[in-house]
Amino acid sequence: ISDDAARYPLAPLTGEQSAWSRERPVSFERML
């Protein structure tokens, strides 16, 4: 999950973001 919401805007299938991606997002840099 990006920490740049302007560049990668949210567009969840449900219209509501999943709790885990809101509460504990991990960017690809941190994933590494």
PDB file of all heavy atoms in Angstrom:
ATOM      1  N   ILE A   1       0.861  -1.178   0.000  1.00  0.00           N
ATOM      2  CA  ILE A   1       0.000   0.000   0.000  1.00  0.00           C
ATOM      3  C   ILE A   1       0.897   1.227   0.000  1.00  0.00           C
ATOM      4  O   ILE A   1       1.754   1.378   0.871  1.00  0.00           O
ATOM      5  CB  ILE A   1      -0.912   0.042   1.253  1.00  0.00           C
ATOM      6  CG1 ILE A   1      -1.659  -1.285   1.431  1.00  0.00           C
ATOM      7  CG2 ILE A   1      -1.863   1.237   1.183  1.00  0.00           C
ATOM      8  CD1 ILE A   1      -2.641  -1.607   0.343  1.00  0.00           C
ATOM      9  N   SER A   2       0.683   2.120  -0.933  1.00  0.00           N
ATOM     10  CA  SER A   2       1.505   3.322  -1.021  1.00  0.00           C
ATOM     11  C   SER A   2       1.184   4.303   0.099  1.00  0.00           C
ATOM     12  O   SER A   2       0.046   4.368   0.580  1.00  0.00           O
ATOM     13  CB  SER A   2       1.272   4.011  -2.367  1.00  0.00           C
ATOM     14  OG  SER A   2       1.972   5.236  -2.427  1.00  0.00           O
ATOM     15  N   ASP A   3       2.197   5.077   0.499  1.00  0.00           N
ATOM     16  CA  ASP A   3       1.953   6.156   1.457  1.00  0.00           C
ATOM     17  C   ASP A   3       1.707   7.480   0.732  1.00  0.00           C
ATOM     18  O   ASP A   3       1.646   8.541   1.357  1.00  0.00           O
ATOM     19  CB  ASP A   3       3.110   6.291   2.454  1.00  0.00           C
ATOM     20  CG  ASP A   3       4.461   6.398   1.774  1.00  0.00           C
ATOM     21  OD1 ASP A   3       4.497   6.659   0.547  1.00  0.00           O
ATOM     22  OD2 ASP A   3       5.483   6.227   2.458  1.00  0.00           O
ATOM     23  N   ASP A   4       1.549   7.416  -0.589  1.00  0.00           N
ATOM     24  CA  ASP A   4       1.276   8.597  -1.405  1.00  0.00           C
ATOM     25  C   ASP A   4      -0.109   8.450  -2.033  1.00  0.00           C
ATOM     26  O   ASP A   4      -0.261   7.974  -3.156  1.00  0.00           O
ATOM     27  CB  ASP A   4       2.343   8.745  -2.501  1.00  0.00           C
ATOM     28  CG  ASP A   4       2.214  10.033  -3.291  1.00  0.00           C
ATOM     29  OD1 ASP A   4       1.166  10.703  -3.175  1.00  0.00           O
ATOM     30  OD2 ASP A   4       3.158  10.366  -4.039  1.00  0.00           O
ATOM     31  N   ALA A   5      -1.141   8.886  -1.280  1.00  0.00           N
ATOM     32  CA  ALA A   5      -2.518   8.708  -1.735  1.00  0.00           C
ATOM     33  C   ALA A   5      -2.865   9.614  -2.914  1.00  0.00           C
ATOM     34  O   ALA A   5      -3.822   9.348  -3.643  1.00  0.00           O
ATOM     35  CB  ALA A   5      -3.487   8.965  -0.580  1.00  0.00           C
ATOM     36  N   ALA A   6      -2.096  10.669  -3.110  1.00  0.00           N
ATOM     37  CA  ALA A   6      -2.357  11.548  -4.248  1.00  0.00           C
ATOM     38  C   ALA A   6      -1.922  10.874  -5.544  1.00  0.00           C
ATOM     39  O   ALA A   6      -2.614  10.947  -6.569  1.00  0.00           O
ATOM     40  CB  ALA A   6      -1.626  12.877  -4.061  1.00  0.00           C
ATOM     41  N   ARG A   7      -0.772  10.212  -5.499  1.00  0.00           N
ATOM     42  CA  ARG A   7      -0.263   9.540  -6.684  1.00  0.00           C
ATOM     43  C   ARG A   7      -0.981   8.219  -6.933  1.00  0.00           C
ATOM     44  O   ARG A   7      -1.185   7.821  -8.088  1.00  0.00           O
ATOM     45  CB  ARG A   7       1.234   9.307  -6.532  1.00  0.00           C
ATOM     46  CG  ARG A   7       1.886   8.724  -7.781  1.00  0.00           C
ATOM     47  CD  ARG A   7       3.395   8.664  -7.635  1.00  0.00           C
ATOM     48  NE  ARG A   7       4.032   8.171  -8.834  1.00  0.00           N
ATOM     49  CZ  ARG A   7       5.348   7.958  -8.948  1.00  0.00           C
ATOM     50  NH1 ARG A   7       6.152   8.237  -7.926  1.00  0.00           N
ATOM     51  NH2 ARG A   7       5.859   7.497 -10.079  1.00  0.00           N
ATOM     52  N   TYR A   8      -1.348   7.533  -5.838  1.00  0.00           N
ATOM     53  CA  TYR A   8      -2.029   6.237  -5.946  1.00  0.00           C
ATOM     54  C   TYR A   8      -3.332   6.316  -5.143  1.00  0.00           C
ATOM     55  O   TYR A   8      -3.401   5.845  -4.007  1.00  0.00           O
ATOM     56  CB  TYR A   8      -1.130   5.110  -5.426  1.00  0.00           C
ATOM     57  CG  TYR A   8       0.177   5.010  -6.178  1.00  0.00           C
ATOM     58  CD1 TYR A   8       1.359   5.524  -5.639  1.00  0.00           C
ATOM     59  CD2 TYR A   8       0.229   4.427  -7.438  1.00  0.00           C
ATOM     60  CE1 TYR A   8       2.556   5.442  -6.340  1.00  0.00           C
ATOM     61  CE2 TYR A   8       1.426   4.345  -8.141  1.00  0.00           C
ATOM     62  CZ  TYR A   8       2.576   4.853  -7.591  1.00  0.00           C
ATOM     63  OH  TYR A   8       3.762   4.773  -8.283  1.00  0.00           O
ATOM     64  N   PRO A   9      -4.370   6.919  -5.730  1.00  0.00           N
ATOM     65  CA  PRO A   9      -5.618   7.151  -4.981  1.00  0.00           C
ATOM     66  C   PRO A   9      -6.373   5.866  -4.679  1.00  0.00           C
ATOM     67  O   PRO A   9      -6.296   4.881  -5.419  1.00  0.00           O
ATOM     68  CB  PRO A   9      -6.423   8.048  -5.923  1.00  0.00           C
ATOM     69  CG  PRO A   9      -5.873   7.766  -7.289  1.00  0.00           C
ATOM     70  CD  PRO A   9      -4.418   7.479  -7.087  1.00  0.00           C
ATOM     71  N   LEU A  10      -7.092   5.897  -3.578  1.00  0.00           N
ATOM     72  CA  LEU A  10      -7.892   4.753  -3.177  1.00  0.00           C
ATOM     73  C   LEU A  10      -9.048   4.549  -4.149  1.00  0.00           C
ATOM     74  O   LEU A  10      -9.663   5.505  -4.613  1.00  0.00           O
ATOM     75  CB  LEU A  10      -8.441   4.959  -1.766  1.00  0.00           C
ATOM     76  CG  LEU A  10      -7.416   5.082  -0.639  1.00  0.00           C
ATOM     77  CD1 LEU A  10      -8.109   5.383   0.681  1.00  0.00           C
ATOM     78  CD2 LEU A  10      -6.604   3.799  -0.526  1.00  0.00           C
ATOM     79  N   ALA A  11      -9.326   3.285  -4.434  1.00  0.00           N
ATOM     80  CA  ALA A  11     -10.464   2.936  -5.294  1.00  0.00           C
ATOM     81  C   ALA A  11     -10.932   1.526  -4.952  1.00  0.00           C
ATOM     82  O   ALA A  11     -10.969   0.640  -5.808  1.00  0.00           O
ATOM     83  CB  ALA A  11     -10.069   3.031  -6.763  1.00  0.00           C
ATOM     84  N   PRO A  12     -11.291   1.280  -3.670  1.00  0.00           N
ATOM     85  CA  PRO A  12     -11.652  -0.084  -3.270  1.00  0.00           C
ATOM     86  C   PRO A  12     -12.894  -0.574  -3.984  1.00  0.00           C
ATOM     87  O   PRO A  12     -13.806   0.196  -4.304  1.00  0.00           O
ATOM     88  CB  PRO A  12     -11.890   0.044  -1.759  1.00  0.00           C
ATOM     89  CG  PRO A  12     -12.202   1.489  -1.537  1.00  0.00           C
ATOM     90  CD  PRO A  12     -11.400   2.242  -2.552  1.00  0.00           C
ATOM     91  N   LEU A  13     -12.930  -1.884  -4.245  1.00  0.00           N
ATOM     92  CA  LEU A  13     -14.062  -2.458  -4.958  1.00  0.00           C
ATOM     93  C   LEU A  13     -15.373  -2.197  -4.240  1.00  0.00           C
ATOM     94  O   LEU A  13     -16.415  -2.027  -4.875  1.00  0.00           O
ATOM     95  CB  LEU A  13     -13.861  -3.974  -5.117  1.00  0.00           C
ATOM     96  CG  LEU A  13     -12.762  -4.426  -6.073  1.00  0.00           C
ATOM     97  CD1 LEU A  13     -12.746  -5.948  -6.136  1.00  0.00           C
ATOM     98  CD2 LEU A  13     -12.964  -3.851  -7.465  1.00  0.00           C
ATOM     99  N   THR A  14     -15.353  -2.181  -2.922  1.00  0.00           N
ATOM    100  CA  THR A  14     -16.582  -1.998  -2.149  1.00  0.00           C
ATOM    101  C   THR A  14     -16.964  -0.541  -2.001  1.00  0.00           C
ATOM    102  O   THR A  14     -18.070  -0.233  -1.585  1.00  0.00           O
ATOM    103  CB  THR A  14     -16.388  -2.557  -0.738  1.00  0.00           C
ATOM    104  OG1 THR A  14     -15.301  -1.860  -0.113  1.00  0.00           O
ATOM    105  CG2 THR A  14     -16.089  -4.031  -0.769  1.00  0.00           C
ATOM    106  N   GLY A  15     -16.045   0.359  -2.309  1.00  0.00           N
ATOM    107  CA  GLY A  15     -16.245   1.755  -1.976  1.00  0.00           C
ATOM    108  C   GLY A  15     -15.757   2.079  -0.588  1.00  0.00           C
ATOM    109  O   GLY A  15     -15.718   3.243  -0.175  1.00  0.00           O
ATOM    110  N   GLU A  16     -15.379   1.042   0.164  1.00  0.00           N
ATOM    111  CA  GLU A  16     -14.867   1.234   1.526  1.00  0.00           C
ATOM    112  C   GLU A  16     -13.541   0.506   1.661  1.00  0.00           C
ATOM    113  O   GLU A  16     -13.448  -0.694   1.389  1.00  0.00           O
ATOM    114  CB  GLU A  16     -15.867   0.707   2.556  1.00  0.00           C
ATOM    115  CG  GLU A  16     -15.392   0.868   3.994  1.00  0.00           C
ATOM    116  CD  GLU A  16     -16.392   0.329   5.013  1.00  0.00           C
ATOM    117  OE1 GLU A  16     -17.509  -0.042   4.601  1.00  0.00           O
ATOM    118  OE2 GLU A  16     -16.042   0.253   6.196  1.00  0.00           O
ATOM    119  N   GLN A  17     -12.528   1.246   2.068  1.00  0.00           N
ATOM    120  CA  GLN A  17     -11.198   0.664   2.199  1.00  0.00           C
ATOM    121  C   GLN A  17     -11.166  -0.395   3.293  1.00  0.00           C
ATOM    122  O   GLN A  17     -11.800  -0.246   4.345  1.00  0.00           O
ATOM    123  CB  GLN A  17     -10.183   1.762   2.523  1.00  0.00           C
ATOM    124  CG  GLN A  17      -8.746   1.279   2.618  1.00  0.00           C
ATOM    125  CD  GLN A  17      -7.785   2.398   3.004  1.00  0.00           C
ATOM    126  OE1 GLN A  17      -8.200   3.526   3.254  1.00  0.00           O
ATOM    127  NE2 GLN A  17      -6.509   2.083   3.055  1.00  0.00           N
ATOM    128  N   SER A  18     -10.427  -1.464   3.067  1.00  0.00           N
ATOM    129  CA  SER A  18     -10.274  -2.505   4.087  1.00  0.00           C
ATOM    130  C   SER A  18      -9.573  -1.945   5.316  1.00  0.00           C
ATOM    131  O   SER A  18      -8.695  -1.080   5.220  1.00  0.00           O
ATOM    132  CB  SER A  18      -9.481  -3.686   3.532  1.00  0.00           C
ATOM    133  OG  SER A  18      -8.238  -3.255   3.002  1.00  0.00           O
ATOM    134  N   ALA A  19      -9.971  -2.452   6.487  1.00  0.00           N
ATOM    135  CA  ALA A  19      -9.412  -1.948   7.744  1.00  0.00           C
ATOM    136  C   ALA A  19      -7.909  -2.164   7.814  1.00  0.00           C
ATOM    137  O   ALA A  19      -7.162  -1.286   8.249  1.00  0.00           O
ATOM    138  CB  ALA A  19     -10.111  -2.622   8.923  1.00  0.00           C
ATOM    139  N   TRP A  20      -7.448  -3.351   7.356  1.00  0.00           N
ATOM    140  CA  TRP A  20      -6.011  -3.640   7.490  1.00  0.00           C
ATOM    141  C   TRP A  20      -5.161  -2.676   6.673  1.00  0.00           C
ATOM    142  O   TRP A  20      -4.095  -2.251   7.124  1.00  0.00           O
ATOM    143  CB  TRP A  20      -5.707  -5.090   7.114  1.00  0.00           C
ATOM    144  CG  TRP A  20      -5.910  -5.435   5.674  1.00  0.00           C
ATOM    145  CD1 TRP A  20      -7.013  -6.009   5.109  1.00  0.00           C
ATOM    146  CD2 TRP A  20      -5.006  -5.209   4.590  1.00  0.00           C
ATOM    147  NE1 TRP A  20      -6.845  -6.155   3.752  1.00  0.00           N
ATOM    148  CE2 TRP A  20      -5.622  -5.672   3.403  1.00  0.00           C
ATOM    149  CE3 TRP A  20      -3.726  -4.662   4.507  1.00  0.00           C
ATOM    150  CZ2 TRP A  20      -5.002  -5.606   2.153  1.00  0.00           C
ATOM    151  CZ3 TRP A  20      -3.103  -4.589   3.253  1.00  0.00           C
ATOM    152  CH2 TRP A  20      -3.736  -5.058   2.105  1.00  0.00           C
ATOM    153  N   SER A  21      -5.631  -2.320   5.466  1.00  0.00           N
ATOM    154  CA  SER A  21      -4.827  -1.433   4.626  1.00  0.00           C
ATOM    155  C   SER A  21      -4.832  -0.002   5.153  1.00  0.00           C
ATOM    156  O   SER A  21      -3.923   0.776   4.868  1.00  0.00           O
ATOM    157  CB  SER A  21      -5.312  -1.467   3.182  1.00  0.00           C
ATOM    158  OG  SER A  21      -6.628  -0.968   3.053  1.00  0.00           O
ATOM    159  N   ARG A  22      -5.855   0.326   5.918  1.00  0.00           N
ATOM    160  CA  ARG A  22      -5.916   1.649   6.546  1.00  0.00           C
ATOM    161  C   ARG A  22      -5.078   1.694   7.828  1.00  0.00           C
ATOM    162  O   ARG A  22      -4.409   2.672   8.110  1.00  0.00           O
ATOM    163  CB  ARG A  22      -7.376   1.995   6.853  1.00  0.00           C
ATOM    164  CG  ARG A  22      -7.584   3.393   7.422  1.00  0.00           C
ATOM    165  CD  ARG A  22      -9.068   3.714   7.569  1.00  0.00           C
ATOM    166  NE  ARG A  22      -9.757   2.774   8.450  1.00  0.00           N
ATOM    167  CZ  ARG A  22     -10.636   1.860   8.052  1.00  0.00           C
ATOM    168  NH1 ARG A  22     -10.929   1.759   6.757  1.00  0.00           N
ATOM    169  NH2 ARG A  22     -11.219   1.050   8.914  1.00  0.00           N
ATOM    170  N   GLU A  23      -5.096   0.595   8.590  1.00  0.00           N
ATOM    171  CA  GLU A  23      -4.474   0.581   9.913  1.00  0.00           C
ATOM    172  C   GLU A  23      -3.010   0.164   9.898  1.00  0.00           C
ATOM    173  O   GLU A  23      -2.231   0.605  10.741  1.00  0.00           O
ATOM    174  CB  GLU A  23      -5.266  -0.359  10.836  1.00  0.00           C
ATOM    175  CG  GLU A  23      -6.699   0.112  11.083  1.00  0.00           C
ATOM    176  CD  GLU A  23      -7.566  -0.960  11.706  1.00  0.00           C
ATOM    177  OE1 GLU A  23      -7.044  -2.076  11.974  1.00  0.00           O
ATOM    178  OE2 GLU A  23      -8.775  -0.706  11.911  1.00  0.00           O
ATOM    179  N   ARG A  24      -2.608  -0.699   8.966  1.00  0.00           N
ATOM    180  CA  ARG A  24      -1.220  -1.169   8.949  1.00  0.00           C
ATOM    181  C   ARG A  24      -0.699  -1.315   7.524  1.00  0.00           C
ATOM    182  O   ARG A  24      -0.275  -2.400   7.112  1.00  0.00           O
ATOM    183  CB  ARG A  24      -1.061  -2.466   9.747  1.00  0.00           C
ATOM    184  CG  ARG A  24      -2.097  -3.548   9.461  1.00  0.00           C
ATOM    185  CD  ARG A  24      -1.830  -4.787  10.314  1.00  0.00           C
ATOM    186  NE  ARG A  24      -2.703  -5.877   9.948  1.00  0.00           N
ATOM    187  CZ  ARG A  24      -3.916  -6.082  10.471  1.00  0.00           C
ATOM    188  NH1 ARG A  24      -4.374  -5.258  11.395  1.00  0.00           N
ATOM    189  NH2 ARG A  24      -4.663  -7.104  10.081  1.00  0.00           N
ATOM    190  N   PRO A  25      -0.738  -0.219   6.762  1.00  0.00           N
ATOM    191  CA  PRO A  25      -0.242  -0.280   5.384  1.00  0.00           C
ATOM    192  C   PRO A  25       1.262  -0.499   5.343  1.00  0.00           C
ATOM    193  O   PRO A  25       1.994  -0.057   6.240  1.00  0.00           O
ATOM    194  CB  PRO A  25      -0.617   1.093   4.816  1.00  0.00           C
ATOM    195  CG  PRO A  25      -0.596   1.996   6.012  1.00  0.00           C
ATOM    196  CD  PRO A  25      -1.129   1.157   7.144  1.00  0.00           C
ATOM    197  N   VAL A  26       1.720  -1.170   4.307  1.00  0.00           N
ATOM    198  CA  VAL A  26       3.152  -1.420   4.113  1.00  0.00           C
ATOM    199  C   VAL A  26       3.506  -1.033   2.683  1.00  0.00           C
ATOM    200  O   VAL A  26       2.987  -1.615   1.730  1.00  0.00           O
ATOM    201  CB  VAL A  26       3.503  -2.902   4.376  1.00  0.00           C
ATOM    202  CG1 VAL A  26       4.944  -3.195   3.978  1.00  0.00           C
ATOM    203  CG2 VAL A  26       3.277  -3.248   5.837  1.00  0.00           C
ATOM    204  N   SER A  27       4.366  -0.028   2.547  1.00  0.00           N
ATOM    205  CA  SER A  27       4.823   0.374   1.219  1.00  0.00           C
ATOM    206  C   SER A  27       5.776  -0.680   0.668  1.00  0.00           C
ATOM    207  O   SER A  27       6.285  -1.529   1.416  1.00  0.00           O
ATOM    208  CB  SER A  27       5.549   1.711   1.297  1.00  0.00           C
ATOM    209  OG  SER A  27       6.759   1.566   2.028  1.00  0.00           O
ATOM    210  N   PHE A  28       6.051  -0.625  -0.633  1.00  0.00           N
ATOM    211  CA  PHE A  28       6.961  -1.645  -1.168  1.00  0.00           C
ATOM    212  C   PHE A  28       8.375  -1.464  -0.646  1.00  0.00           C
ATOM    213  O   PHE A  28       9.108  -2.442  -0.495  1.00  0.00           O
ATOM    214  CB  PHE A  28       6.891  -1.740  -2.689  1.00  0.00           C
ATOM    215  CG  PHE A  28       7.483  -0.621  -3.493  1.00  0.00           C
ATOM    216  CD1 PHE A  28       8.854  -0.441  -3.584  1.00  0.00           C
ATOM    217  CD2 PHE A  28       6.663   0.242  -4.210  1.00  0.00           C
ATOM    218  CE1 PHE A  28       9.400   0.568  -4.360  1.00  0.00           C
ATOM    219  CE2 PHE A  28       7.193   1.257  -5.003  1.00  0.00           C
ATOM    220  CZ  PHE A  28       8.575   1.425  -5.065  1.00  0.00           C
ATOM    221  N   GLU A  29       8.761  -0.225  -0.319  1.00  0.00           N
ATOM    222  CA  GLU A  29      10.091  -0.024   0.270  1.00  0.00           C
ATOM    223  C   GLU A  29      10.176  -0.700   1.647  1.00  0.00           C
ATOM    224  O   GLU A  29      11.166  -1.359   1.965  1.00  0.00           O
ATOM    225  CB  GLU A  29      10.389   1.473   0.404  1.00  0.00           C
ATOM    226  CG  GLU A  29      10.528   2.212  -0.916  1.00  0.00           C
ATOM    227  CD  GLU A  29       9.215   2.772  -1.428  1.00  0.00           C
ATOM    228  OE1 GLU A  29       8.140   2.439  -0.863  1.00  0.00           O
ATOM    229  OE2 GLU A  29       9.250   3.544  -2.412  1.00  0.00           O
ATOM    230  N   ARG A  30       9.114  -0.530   2.429  1.00  0.00           N
ATOM    231  CA  ARG A  30       9.123  -1.182   3.748  1.00  0.00           C
ATOM    232  C   ARG A  30       8.973  -2.694   3.601  1.00  0.00           C
ATOM    233  O   ARG A  30       9.533  -3.459   4.391  1.00  0.00           O
ATOM    234  CB  ARG A  30       8.000  -0.623   4.625  1.00  0.00           C
ATOM    235  CG  ARG A  30       8.028  -1.240   6.019  1.00  0.00           C
ATOM    236  CD  ARG A  30       7.223  -0.486   7.040  1.00  0.00           C
ATOM    237  NE  ARG A  30       7.078  -1.310   8.231  1.00  0.00           N
ATOM    238  CZ  ARG A  30       5.933  -1.848   8.656  1.00  0.00           C
ATOM    239  NH1 ARG A  30       4.809  -1.621   7.993  1.00  0.00           N
ATOM    240  NH2 ARG A  30       5.889  -2.592   9.735  1.00  0.00           N
ATOM    241  N   MET A  31       8.249  -3.125   2.586  1.00  0.00           N
ATOM    242  CA  MET A  31       8.117  -4.560   2.350  1.00  0.00           C
ATOM    243  C   MET A  31       9.493  -5.194   2.157  1.00  0.00           C
ATOM    244  O   MET A  31       9.773  -6.278   2.688  1.00  0.00           O
ATOM    245  CB  MET A  31       7.237  -4.825   1.135  1.00  0.00           C
ATOM    246  CG  MET A  31       7.023  -6.303   0.812  1.00  0.00           C
ATOM    247  SD  MET A  31       6.111  -7.234   2.080  1.00  0.00           S
ATOM    248  CE  MET A  31       4.446  -6.560   1.844  1.00  0.00           C
ATOM    249  N   LEU A  32      10.355  -4.532   1.413  1.00  0.00           N
ATOM    250  CA  LEU A  32      11.707  -5.058   1.216  1.00  0.00           C
ATOM    251  C   LEU A  32      12.433  -5.218   2.548  1.00  0.00           C
ATOM    252  O   LEU A  32      13.097  -6.231   2.786  1.00  0.00           O
ATOM    253  CB  LEU A  32      12.501  -4.139   0.288  1.00  0.00           C
ATOM    254  CG  LEU A  32      12.116  -4.164  -1.191  1.00  0.00           C
ATOM    255  CD1 LEU A  32      12.873  -3.079  -1.944  1.00  0.00           C
ATOM    256  CD2 LEU A  32      12.390  -5.523  -1.811  1.00  0.00           C
TER     257      LEU A  32
END
